Amino acid sequence: MKIFLISDNVDTRTGLRLVGVDGVVVHELQELKSELNKAIADKSIGIILITEDLSKQFPDIIKNVKLERKLPLIVEIPDRHGTARDPDFISAYVREAIGIKL
């Protein structure tokens, strides 16, 4: 299975391209819908990487795909500007999930 990137940032696409991950850069809602539908239709794609900023701009589209489909898996990744998550998001996630403070 292949990994495919949908980014709003040329630098992120270039970096992942260097390690063999194909992808596209989109900035508009219609572009995102079109590229996401193409990636979903391609049965060889198992994981779609999408930048955090892009997923924040269009959360409903991403959420619907995550809820309605098992594959491809959609993973939100930080871009060159860093992550939008709190520095201790993993600890908070574990604490919330199992009730243990790390």
PDB file of N, CA and C in Angstrom:
ATOM      1  N   MET A   1       0.829  -1.182   0.000  1.00  0.00           N
ATOM      2  CA  MET A   1       0.000   0.000   0.000  1.00  0.00           C
ATOM      3  C   MET A   1       0.874   1.245   0.000  1.00  0.00           C
ATOM      4  N   LYS A   2       0.407   2.245  -0.691  1.00  0.00           N
ATOM      5  CA  LYS A   2       1.154   3.483  -0.820  1.00  0.00           C
ATOM      6  C   LYS A   2       0.652   4.540   0.168  1.00  0.00           C
ATOM      7  N   ILE A   3       1.511   5.537   0.376  1.00  0.00           N
ATOM      8  CA  ILE A   3       1.180   6.709   1.175  1.00  0.00           C
ATOM      9  C   ILE A   3       1.060   7.878   0.216  1.00  0.00           C
ATOM     10  N   PHE A   4       0.070   8.734   0.440  1.00  0.00           N
ATOM     11  CA  PHE A   4      -0.170   9.895  -0.418  1.00  0.00           C
ATOM     12  C   PHE A   4      -0.337  11.118   0.464  1.00  0.00           C
ATOM     13  N   LEU A   5       0.227  12.247   0.038  1.00  0.00           N
ATOM     14  CA  LEU A   5       0.179  13.490   0.812  1.00  0.00           C
ATOM     15  C   LEU A   5      -0.742  14.502   0.152  1.00  0.00           C
ATOM     16  N   ILE A   6      -1.588  15.128   0.966  1.00  0.00           N
ATOM     17  CA  ILE A   6      -2.343  16.299   0.542  1.00  0.00           C
ATOM     18  C   ILE A   6      -1.924  17.422   1.472  1.00  0.00           C
ATOM     19  N   SER A   7      -1.283  18.443   0.897  1.00  0.00           N
ATOM     20  CA  SER A   7      -0.673  19.499   1.698  1.00  0.00           C
ATOM     21  C   SER A   7      -1.107  20.868   1.196  1.00  0.00           C
ATOM     22  N   ASP A   8      -0.975  21.851   2.067  1.00  0.00           N
ATOM     23  CA  ASP A   8      -1.181  23.238   1.663  1.00  0.00           C
ATOM     24  C   ASP A   8       0.163  23.946   1.584  1.00  0.00           C
ATOM     25  N   ASN A   9       1.230  23.165   1.584  1.00  0.00           N
ATOM     26  CA  ASN A   9       2.571  23.708   1.710  1.00  0.00           C
ATOM     27  C   ASN A   9       3.520  22.995   0.756  1.00  0.00           C
ATOM     28  N   VAL A  10       4.171  23.739  -0.111  1.00  0.00           N
ATOM     29  CA  VAL A  10       5.097  23.167  -1.089  1.00  0.00           C
ATOM     30  C   VAL A  10       6.299  22.528  -0.402  1.00  0.00           C
ATOM     31  N   ASP A  11       6.775  23.117   0.683  1.00  0.00           N
ATOM     32  CA  ASP A  11       7.937  22.577   1.383  1.00  0.00           C
ATOM     33  C   ASP A  11       7.663  21.186   1.957  1.00  0.00           C
ATOM     34  N   THR A  12       6.484  20.990   2.508  1.00  0.00           N
ATOM     35  CA  THR A  12       6.120  19.680   3.049  1.00  0.00           C
ATOM     36  C   THR A  12       6.065  18.652   1.923  1.00  0.00           C
ATOM     37  N   ARG A  13       5.468  19.023   0.811  1.00  0.00           N
ATOM     38  CA  ARG A  13       5.402  18.116  -0.339  1.00  0.00           C
ATOM     39  C   ARG A  13       6.802  17.771  -0.830  1.00  0.00           C
ATOM     40  N   THR A  14       7.667  18.755  -0.911  1.00  0.00           N
ATOM     41  CA  THR A  14       9.030  18.523  -1.380  1.00  0.00           C
ATOM     42  C   THR A  14       9.780  17.581  -0.440  1.00  0.00           C
ATOM     43  N   GLY A  15       9.665  17.810   0.856  1.00  0.00           N
ATOM     44  CA  GLY A  15      10.339  16.956   1.831  1.00  0.00           C
ATOM     45  C   GLY A  15       9.884  15.517   1.760  1.00  0.00           C
ATOM     46  N   LEU A  16       8.592  15.307   1.658  1.00  0.00           N
ATOM     47  CA  LEU A  16       8.084  13.940   1.587  1.00  0.00           C
ATOM     48  C   LEU A  16       8.370  13.309   0.226  1.00  0.00           C
ATOM     49  N   ARG A  17       8.440  14.129  -0.787  1.00  0.00           N
ATOM     50  CA  ARG A  17       8.788  13.638  -2.119  1.00  0.00           C
ATOM     51  C   ARG A  17      10.198  13.049  -2.123  1.00  0.00           C
ATOM     52  N   LEU A  18      11.086  13.644  -1.331  1.00  0.00           N
ATOM     53  CA  LEU A  18      12.463  13.150  -1.227  1.00  0.00           C
ATOM     54  C   LEU A  18      12.546  11.742  -0.639  1.00  0.00           C
ATOM     55  N   VAL A  19      11.546  11.362   0.148  1.00  0.00           N
ATOM     56  CA  VAL A  19      11.529  10.007   0.715  1.00  0.00           C
ATOM     57  C   VAL A  19      10.556   9.088  -0.017  1.00  0.00           C
ATOM     58  N   GLY A  20      10.079   9.546  -1.182  1.00  0.00           N
ATOM     59  CA  GLY A  20       9.280   8.672  -2.038  1.00  0.00           C
ATOM     60  C   GLY A  20       7.782   8.751  -1.872  1.00  0.00           C
ATOM     61  N   VAL A  21       7.273   9.758  -1.174  1.00  0.00           N
ATOM     62  CA  VAL A  21       5.829   9.894  -0.983  1.00  0.00           C
ATOM     63  C   VAL A  21       5.288  10.884  -2.016  1.00  0.00           C
ATOM     64  N   ASP A  22       4.380  10.411  -2.868  1.00  0.00           N
ATOM     65  CA  ASP A  22       3.728  11.299  -3.825  1.00  0.00           C
ATOM     66  C   ASP A  22       2.717  12.172  -3.111  1.00  0.00           C
ATOM     67  N   GLY A  23       2.400  13.306  -3.729  1.00  0.00           N
ATOM     68  CA  GLY A  23       1.417  14.177  -3.120  1.00  0.00           C
ATOM     69  C   GLY A  23       1.077  15.365  -3.980  1.00  0.00           C
ATOM     70  N   VAL A  24       0.150  16.158  -3.476  1.00  0.00           N
ATOM     71  CA  VAL A  24      -0.308  17.365  -4.163  1.00  0.00           C
ATOM     72  C   VAL A  24      -0.380  18.508  -3.167  1.00  0.00           C
ATOM     73  N   VAL A  25      -0.367  19.720  -3.714  1.00  0.00           N
ATOM     74  CA  VAL A  25      -0.551  20.921  -2.904  1.00  0.00           C
ATOM     75  C   VAL A  25      -1.877  21.532  -3.308  1.00  0.00           C
ATOM     76  N   VAL A  26      -2.734  21.775  -2.319  1.00  0.00           N
ATOM     77  CA  VAL A  26      -4.052  22.375  -2.578  1.00  0.00           C
ATOM     78  C   VAL A  26      -4.242  23.571  -1.658  1.00  0.00           C
ATOM     79  N   HIS A  27      -5.091  24.493  -2.104  1.00  0.00           N
ATOM     80  CA  HIS A  27      -5.381  25.674  -1.287  1.00  0.00           C
ATOM     81  C   HIS A  27      -6.867  25.977  -1.192  1.00  0.00           C
ATOM     82  N   GLU A  28      -7.655  25.414  -2.067  1.00  0.00           N
ATOM     83  CA  GLU A  28      -9.087  25.708  -2.132  1.00  0.00           C
ATOM     84  C   GLU A  28      -9.904  24.467  -1.781  1.00  0.00           C
ATOM     85  N   LEU A  29     -11.134  24.692  -1.371  1.00  0.00           N
ATOM     86  CA  LEU A  29     -12.031  23.615  -0.993  1.00  0.00           C
ATOM     87  C   LEU A  29     -12.247  22.642  -2.146  1.00  0.00           C
ATOM     88  N   GLN A  30     -12.501  23.139  -3.345  1.00  0.00           N
ATOM     89  CA  GLN A  30     -12.757  22.263  -4.491  1.00  0.00           C
ATOM     90  C   GLN A  30     -11.545  21.419  -4.831  1.00  0.00           C
ATOM     91  N   GLU A  31     -10.354  22.006  -4.714  1.00  0.00           N
ATOM     92  CA  GLU A  31      -9.127  21.247  -4.959  1.00  0.00           C
ATOM     93  C   GLU A  31      -8.988  20.108  -3.954  1.00  0.00           C
ATOM     94  N   LEU A  32      -9.263  20.409  -2.692  1.00  0.00           N
ATOM     95  CA  LEU A  32      -9.172  19.387  -1.650  1.00  0.00           C
ATOM     96  C   LEU A  32     -10.150  18.255  -1.920  1.00  0.00           C
ATOM     97  N   LYS A  33     -11.392  18.599  -2.204  1.00  0.00           N
ATOM     98  CA  LYS A  33     -12.396  17.569  -2.472  1.00  0.00           C
ATOM     99  C   LYS A  33     -11.986  16.696  -3.642  1.00  0.00           C
ATOM    100  N   SER A  34     -11.532  17.320  -4.708  1.00  0.00           N
ATOM    101  CA  SER A  34     -11.135  16.586  -5.904  1.00  0.00           C
ATOM    102  C   SER A  34      -9.975  15.637  -5.624  1.00  0.00           C
ATOM    103  N   GLU A  35      -8.926  16.134  -4.994  1.00  0.00           N
ATOM    104  CA  GLU A  35      -7.746  15.309  -4.723  1.00  0.00           C
ATOM    105  C   GLU A  35      -8.038  14.225  -3.692  1.00  0.00           C
ATOM    106  N   LEU A  36      -8.861  14.536  -2.712  1.00  0.00           N
ATOM    107  CA  LEU A  36      -9.230  13.543  -1.706  1.00  0.00           C
ATOM    108  C   LEU A  36     -10.046  12.417  -2.341  1.00  0.00           C
ATOM    109  N   ASN A  37     -10.980  12.768  -3.213  1.00  0.00           N
ATOM    110  CA  ASN A  37     -11.769  11.748  -3.909  1.00  0.00           C
ATOM    111  C   ASN A  37     -10.898  10.874  -4.802  1.00  0.00           C
ATOM    112  N   LYS A  38      -9.930  11.477  -5.483  1.00  0.00           N
ATOM    113  CA  LYS A  38      -9.003  10.691  -6.316  1.00  0.00           C
ATOM    114  C   LYS A  38      -8.198   9.723  -5.461  1.00  0.00           C
ATOM    115  N   ALA A  39      -7.704  10.209  -4.323  1.00  0.00           N
ATOM    116  CA  ALA A  39      -6.898   9.357  -3.446  1.00  0.00           C
ATOM    117  C   ALA A  39      -7.725   8.221  -2.853  1.00  0.00           C
ATOM    118  N   ILE A  40      -8.960   8.509  -2.485  1.00  0.00           N
ATOM    119  CA  ILE A  40      -9.842   7.479  -1.933  1.00  0.00           C
ATOM    120  C   ILE A  40     -10.160   6.425  -2.986  1.00  0.00           C
ATOM    121  N   ALA A  41     -10.346   6.849  -4.218  1.00  0.00           N
ATOM    122  CA  ALA A  41     -10.688   5.926  -5.303  1.00  0.00           C
ATOM    123  C   ALA A  41      -9.513   5.019  -5.687  1.00  0.00           C
ATOM    124  N   ASP A  42      -8.294   5.454  -5.426  1.00  0.00           N
ATOM    125  CA  ASP A  42      -7.104   4.672  -5.749  1.00  0.00           C
ATOM    126  C   ASP A  42      -6.909   3.598  -4.680  1.00  0.00           C
ATOM    127  N   LYS A  43      -7.192   2.368  -5.013  1.00  0.00           N
ATOM    128  CA  LYS A  43      -7.133   1.274  -4.035  1.00  0.00           C
ATOM    129  C   LYS A  43      -5.717   0.940  -3.585  1.00  0.00           C
ATOM    130  N   SER A  44      -4.706   1.470  -4.285  1.00  0.00           N
ATOM    131  CA  SER A  44      -3.332   1.205  -3.877  1.00  0.00           C
ATOM    132  C   SER A  44      -2.880   2.137  -2.751  1.00  0.00           C
ATOM    133  N   ILE A  45      -3.660   3.176  -2.453  1.00  0.00           N
ATOM    134  CA  ILE A  45      -3.320   4.112  -1.383  1.00  0.00           C
ATOM    135  C   ILE A  45      -3.946   3.642  -0.071  1.00  0.00           C
ATOM    136  N   GLY A  46      -3.088   3.406   0.915  1.00  0.00           N
ATOM    137  CA  GLY A  46      -3.562   2.933   2.214  1.00  0.00           C
ATOM    138  C   GLY A  46      -3.557   4.011   3.282  1.00  0.00           C
ATOM    139  N   ILE A  47      -2.712   5.033   3.090  1.00  0.00           N
ATOM    140  CA  ILE A  47      -2.612   6.116   4.067  1.00  0.00           C
ATOM    141  C   ILE A  47      -2.571   7.442   3.322  1.00  0.00           C
ATOM    142  N   ILE A  48      -3.408   8.368   3.765  1.00  0.00           N
ATOM    143  CA  ILE A  48      -3.380   9.732   3.247  1.00  0.00           C
ATOM    144  C   ILE A  48      -2.867  10.625   4.364  1.00  0.00           C
ATOM    145  N   LEU A  49      -1.759  11.294   4.094  1.00  0.00           N
ATOM    146  CA  LEU A  49      -1.228  12.281   5.032  1.00  0.00           C
ATOM    147  C   LEU A  49      -1.802  13.633   4.657  1.00  0.00           C
ATOM    148  N   ILE A  50      -2.262  14.378   5.632  1.00  0.00           N
ATOM    149  CA  ILE A  50      -2.803  15.711   5.380  1.00  0.00           C
ATOM    150  C   ILE A  50      -2.239  16.666   6.432  1.00  0.00           C
ATOM    151  N   THR A  51      -1.822  17.837   6.021  1.00  0.00           N
ATOM    152  CA  THR A  51      -1.229  18.769   6.972  1.00  0.00           C
ATOM    153  C   THR A  51      -2.287  19.268   7.956  1.00  0.00           C
ATOM    154  N   GLU A  52      -1.841  19.539   9.178  1.00  0.00           N
ATOM    155  CA  GLU A  52      -2.752  19.989  10.231  1.00  0.00           C
ATOM    156  C   GLU A  52      -3.487  21.262   9.838  1.00  0.00           C
ATOM    157  N   ASP A  53      -2.775  22.212   9.247  1.00  0.00           N
ATOM    158  CA  ASP A  53      -3.403  23.474   8.861  1.00  0.00           C
ATOM    159  C   ASP A  53      -4.524  23.243   7.854  1.00  0.00           C
ATOM    160  N   LEU A  54      -4.294  22.373   6.896  1.00  0.00           N
ATOM    161  CA  LEU A  54      -5.313  22.085   5.882  1.00  0.00           C
ATOM    162  C   LEU A  54      -6.509  21.381   6.512  1.00  0.00           C
ATOM    163  N   SER A  55      -6.259  20.475   7.424  1.00  0.00           N
ATOM    164  CA  SER A  55      -7.378  19.781   8.056  1.00  0.00           C
ATOM    165  C   SER A  55      -8.166  20.703   8.981  1.00  0.00           C
ATOM    166  N   LYS A  56      -7.506  21.732   9.533  1.00  0.00           N
ATOM    167  CA  LYS A  56      -8.220  22.730  10.343  1.00  0.00           C
ATOM    168  C   LYS A  56      -9.103  23.625   9.484  1.00  0.00           C
ATOM    169  N   GLN A  57      -8.661  23.899   8.262  1.00  0.00           N
ATOM    170  CA  GLN A  57      -9.443  24.750   7.369  1.00  0.00           C
ATOM    171  C   GLN A  57     -10.726  24.066   6.915  1.00  0.00           C
ATOM    172  N   PHE A  58     -10.676  22.748   6.745  1.00  0.00           N
ATOM    173  CA  PHE A  58     -11.827  22.006   6.237  1.00  0.00           C
ATOM    174  C   PHE A  58     -12.102  20.782   7.121  1.00  0.00           C
ATOM    175  N   PRO A  59     -12.416  20.992   8.394  1.00  0.00           N
ATOM    176  CA  PRO A  59     -12.543  19.859   9.316  1.00  0.00           C
ATOM    177  C   PRO A  59     -13.697  18.913   9.001  1.00  0.00           C
ATOM    178  N   ASP A  60     -14.793  19.433   8.462  1.00  0.00           N
ATOM    179  CA  ASP A  60     -15.948  18.571   8.200  1.00  0.00           C
ATOM    180  C   ASP A  60     -15.651  17.519   7.133  1.00  0.00           C
ATOM    181  N   ILE A  61     -14.933  17.912   6.110  1.00  0.00           N
ATOM    182  CA  ILE A  61     -14.606  16.970   5.035  1.00  0.00           C
ATOM    183  C   ILE A  61     -13.724  15.850   5.568  1.00  0.00           C
ATOM    184  N   ILE A  62     -12.705  16.214   6.310  1.00  0.00           N
ATOM    185  CA  ILE A  62     -11.775  15.225   6.846  1.00  0.00           C
ATOM    186  C   ILE A  62     -12.480  14.314   7.844  1.00  0.00           C
ATOM    187  N   LYS A  63     -13.284  14.891   8.714  1.00  0.00           N
ATOM    188  CA  LYS A  63     -14.007  14.115   9.719  1.00  0.00           C
ATOM    189  C   LYS A  63     -14.946  13.105   9.062  1.00  0.00           C
ATOM    190  N   ASN A  64     -15.655  13.525   8.032  1.00  0.00           N
ATOM    191  CA  ASN A  64     -16.580  12.617   7.342  1.00  0.00           C
ATOM    192  C   ASN A  64     -15.851  11.428   6.736  1.00  0.00           C
ATOM    193  N   VAL A  65     -14.722  11.673   6.107  1.00  0.00           N
ATOM    194  CA  VAL A  65     -13.967  10.571   5.505  1.00  0.00           C
ATOM    195  C   VAL A  65     -13.468   9.624   6.593  1.00  0.00           C
ATOM    196  N   LYS A  66     -12.976  10.174   7.696  1.00  0.00           N
ATOM    197  CA  LYS A  66     -12.483   9.334   8.783  1.00  0.00           C
ATOM    198  C   LYS A  66     -13.593   8.456   9.370  1.00  0.00           C
ATOM    199  N   LEU A  67     -14.784   9.017   9.491  1.00  0.00           N
ATOM    200  CA  LEU A  67     -15.892   8.272  10.098  1.00  0.00           C
ATOM    201  C   LEU A  67     -16.532   7.266   9.149  1.00  0.00           C
ATOM    202  N   GLU A  68     -16.554   7.561   7.863  1.00  0.00           N
ATOM    203  CA  GLU A  68     -17.284   6.725   6.909  1.00  0.00           C
ATOM    204  C   GLU A  68     -16.446   5.621   6.278  1.00  0.00           C
ATOM    205  N   ARG A  69     -15.139   5.714   6.342  1.00  0.00           N
ATOM    206  CA  ARG A  69     -14.285   4.769   5.629  1.00  0.00           C
ATOM    207  C   ARG A  69     -13.235   4.166   6.556  1.00  0.00           C
ATOM    208  N   LYS A  70     -12.957   2.887   6.367  1.00  0.00           N
ATOM    209  CA  LYS A  70     -11.876   2.248   7.097  1.00  0.00           C
ATOM    210  C   LYS A  70     -10.546   2.513   6.413  1.00  0.00           C
ATOM    211  N   LEU A  71     -10.549   2.476   5.100  1.00  0.00           N
ATOM    212  CA  LEU A  71      -9.354   2.757   4.310  1.00  0.00           C
ATOM    213  C   LEU A  71      -9.686   3.779   3.260  1.00  0.00           C
ATOM    214  N   PRO A  72      -8.815   4.622   2.937  1.00  0.00           N
ATOM    215  CA  PRO A  72      -7.483   4.792   3.489  1.00  0.00           C
ATOM    216  C   PRO A  72      -7.532   5.493   4.843  1.00  0.00           C
ATOM    217  N   LEU A  73      -6.512   5.240   5.607  1.00  0.00           N
ATOM    218  CA  LEU A  73      -6.349   5.884   6.903  1.00  0.00           C
ATOM    219  C   LEU A  73      -5.890   7.319   6.670  1.00  0.00           C
ATOM    220  N   ILE A  74      -6.505   8.276   7.342  1.00  0.00           N
ATOM    221  CA  ILE A  74      -6.096   9.674   7.199  1.00  0.00           C
ATOM    222  C   ILE A  74      -5.337  10.087   8.462  1.00  0.00           C
ATOM    223  N   VAL A  75      -4.114  10.580   8.252  1.00  0.00           N
ATOM    224  CA  VAL A  75      -3.251  10.978   9.351  1.00  0.00           C
ATOM    225  C   VAL A  75      -2.895  12.447   9.183  1.00  0.00           C
ATOM    226  N   GLU A  76      -3.162  13.228  10.209  1.00  0.00           N
ATOM    227  CA  GLU A  76      -2.820  14.648  10.189  1.00  0.00           C
ATOM    228  C   GLU A  76      -1.378  14.805  10.656  1.00  0.00           C
ATOM    229  N   ILE A  77      -0.594  15.552   9.875  1.00  0.00           N
ATOM    230  CA  ILE A  77       0.819  15.739  10.200  1.00  0.00           C
ATOM    231  C   ILE A  77       1.144  17.227  10.323  1.00  0.00           C
ATOM    232  N   PRO A  78       2.122  17.569  11.151  1.00  0.00           N
ATOM    233  CA  PRO A  78       2.554  18.974  11.210  1.00  0.00           C
ATOM    234  C   PRO A  78       3.341  19.321   9.952  1.00  0.00           C
ATOM    235  N   ASP A  79       3.418  20.601   9.641  1.00  0.00           N
ATOM    236  CA  ASP A  79       4.225  21.026   8.504  1.00  0.00           C
ATOM    237  C   ASP A  79       5.458  21.750   9.023  1.00  0.00           C
ATOM    238  N   ARG A  80       6.134  22.502   8.165  1.00  0.00           N
ATOM    239  CA  ARG A  80       7.382  23.154   8.554  1.00  0.00           C
ATOM    240  C   ARG A  80       7.187  24.222   9.629  1.00  0.00           C
ATOM    241  N   HIS A  81       5.961  24.636   9.865  1.00  0.00           N
ATOM    242  CA  HIS A  81       5.690  25.635  10.886  1.00  0.00           C
ATOM    243  C   HIS A  81       5.532  25.005  12.264  1.00  0.00           C
ATOM    244  N   GLY A  82       5.588  23.694  12.336  1.00  0.00           N
ATOM    245  CA  GLY A  82       5.443  22.997  13.610  1.00  0.00           C
ATOM    246  C   GLY A  82       4.018  22.506  13.802  1.00  0.00           C
ATOM    247  N   THR A  83       3.780  21.948  14.948  1.00  0.00           N
ATOM    248  CA  THR A  83       2.472  21.382  15.246  1.00  0.00           C
ATOM    249  C   THR A  83       1.577  22.403  15.944  1.00  0.00           C
ATOM    250  N   ALA A  84       0.294  22.236  15.749  1.00  0.00           N
ATOM    251  CA  ALA A  84      -0.680  23.094  16.417  1.00  0.00           C
ATOM    252  C   ALA A  84      -1.108  22.482  17.752  1.00  0.00           C
ATOM    253  N   ARG A  85      -0.614  21.300  18.035  1.00  0.00           N
ATOM    254  CA  ARG A  85      -0.978  20.601  19.270  1.00  0.00           C
ATOM    255  C   ARG A  85      -0.169  21.129  20.453  1.00  0.00           C
ATOM    256  N   ASP A  86      -0.701  20.897  21.637  1.00  0.00           N
ATOM    257  CA  ASP A  86       0.020  21.246  22.849  1.00  0.00           C
ATOM    258  C   ASP A  86       1.285  20.391  22.957  1.00  0.00           C
ATOM    259  N   PRO A  87       2.319  20.916  23.600  1.00  0.00           N
ATOM    260  CA  PRO A  87       3.563  20.149  23.710  1.00  0.00           C
ATOM    261  C   PRO A  87       3.389  18.795  24.410  1.00  0.00           C
ATOM    262  N   ASP A  88       2.423  18.694  25.300  1.00  0.00           N
ATOM    263  CA  ASP A  88       2.221  17.432  26.023  1.00  0.00           C
ATOM    264  C   ASP A  88       0.968  16.681  25.551  1.00  0.00           C
ATOM    265  N   PHE A  89       0.658  16.777  24.266  1.00  0.00           N
ATOM    266  CA  PHE A  89      -0.589  16.175  23.787  1.00  0.00           C
ATOM    267  C   PHE A  89      -0.603  14.654  23.944  1.00  0.00           C
ATOM    268  N   ILE A  90       0.557  13.994  23.846  1.00  0.00           N
ATOM    269  CA  ILE A  90       0.579  12.536  24.001  1.00  0.00           C
ATOM    270  C   ILE A  90       0.283  12.158  25.444  1.00  0.00           C
ATOM    271  N   SER A  91       0.892  12.857  26.381  1.00  0.00           N
ATOM    272  CA  SER A  91       0.623  12.591  27.803  1.00  0.00           C
ATOM    273  C   SER A  91      -0.844  12.851  28.131  1.00  0.00           C
ATOM    274  N   ALA A  92      -1.396  13.923  27.614  1.00  0.00           N
ATOM    275  CA  ALA A  92      -2.804  14.237  27.853  1.00  0.00           C
ATOM    276  C   ALA A  92      -3.709  13.171  27.239  1.00  0.00           C
ATOM    277  N   TYR A  93      -3.335  12.673  26.088  1.00  0.00           N
ATOM    278  CA  TYR A  93      -4.116  11.632  25.418  1.00  0.00           C
ATOM    279  C   TYR A  93      -4.125  10.351  26.252  1.00  0.00           C
ATOM    280  N   VAL A  94      -2.958   9.953  26.751  1.00  0.00           N
ATOM    281  CA  VAL A  94      -2.865   8.753  27.592  1.00  0.00           C
ATOM    282  C   VAL A  94      -3.639   8.958  28.876  1.00  0.00           C
ATOM    283  N   ARG A  95      -3.480  10.124  29.498  1.00  0.00           N
ATOM    284  CA  ARG A  95      -4.185  10.427  30.747  1.00  0.00           C
ATOM    285  C   ARG A  95      -5.696  10.348  30.547  1.00  0.00           C
ATOM    286  N   GLU A  96      -6.170  10.889  29.445  1.00  0.00           N
ATOM    287  CA  GLU A  96      -7.598  10.879  29.150  1.00  0.00           C
ATOM    288  C   GLU A  96      -8.093   9.477  28.817  1.00  0.00           C
ATOM    289  N   ALA A  97      -7.279   8.705  28.106  1.00  0.00           N
ATOM    290  CA  ALA A  97      -7.703   7.380  27.662  1.00  0.00           C
ATOM    291  C   ALA A  97      -7.721   6.358  28.785  1.00  0.00           C
ATOM    292  N   ILE A  98      -6.668   6.344  29.613  1.00  0.00           N
ATOM    293  CA  ILE A  98      -6.592   5.282  30.621  1.00  0.00           C
ATOM    294  C   ILE A  98      -6.514   5.791  32.044  1.00  0.00           C
ATOM    295  N   GLY A  99      -6.482   7.100  32.217  1.00  0.00           N
ATOM    296  CA  GLY A  99      -6.520   7.667  33.560  1.00  0.00           C
ATOM    297  C   GLY A  99      -5.223   7.634  34.325  1.00  0.00           C
ATOM    298  N   ILE A 100      -4.100   7.521  33.625  1.00  0.00           N
ATOM    299  CA  ILE A 100      -2.804   7.497  34.290  1.00  0.00           C
ATOM    300  C   ILE A 100      -2.016   8.736  33.886  1.00  0.00           C
ATOM    301  N   LYS A 101      -1.486   9.431  34.890  1.00  0.00           N
ATOM    302  CA  LYS A 101      -0.672  10.598  34.594  1.00  0.00           C
ATOM    303  C   LYS A 101       0.771  10.163  34.406  1.00  0.00           C
ATOM    304  N   LEU A 102       1.352  10.539  33.284  1.00  0.00           N
ATOM    305  CA  LEU A 102       2.752  10.172  33.006  1.00  0.00           C
ATOM    306  C   LEU A 102       3.684  11.262  33.454  1.00  0.00           C
TER     307      LEU A 102
END
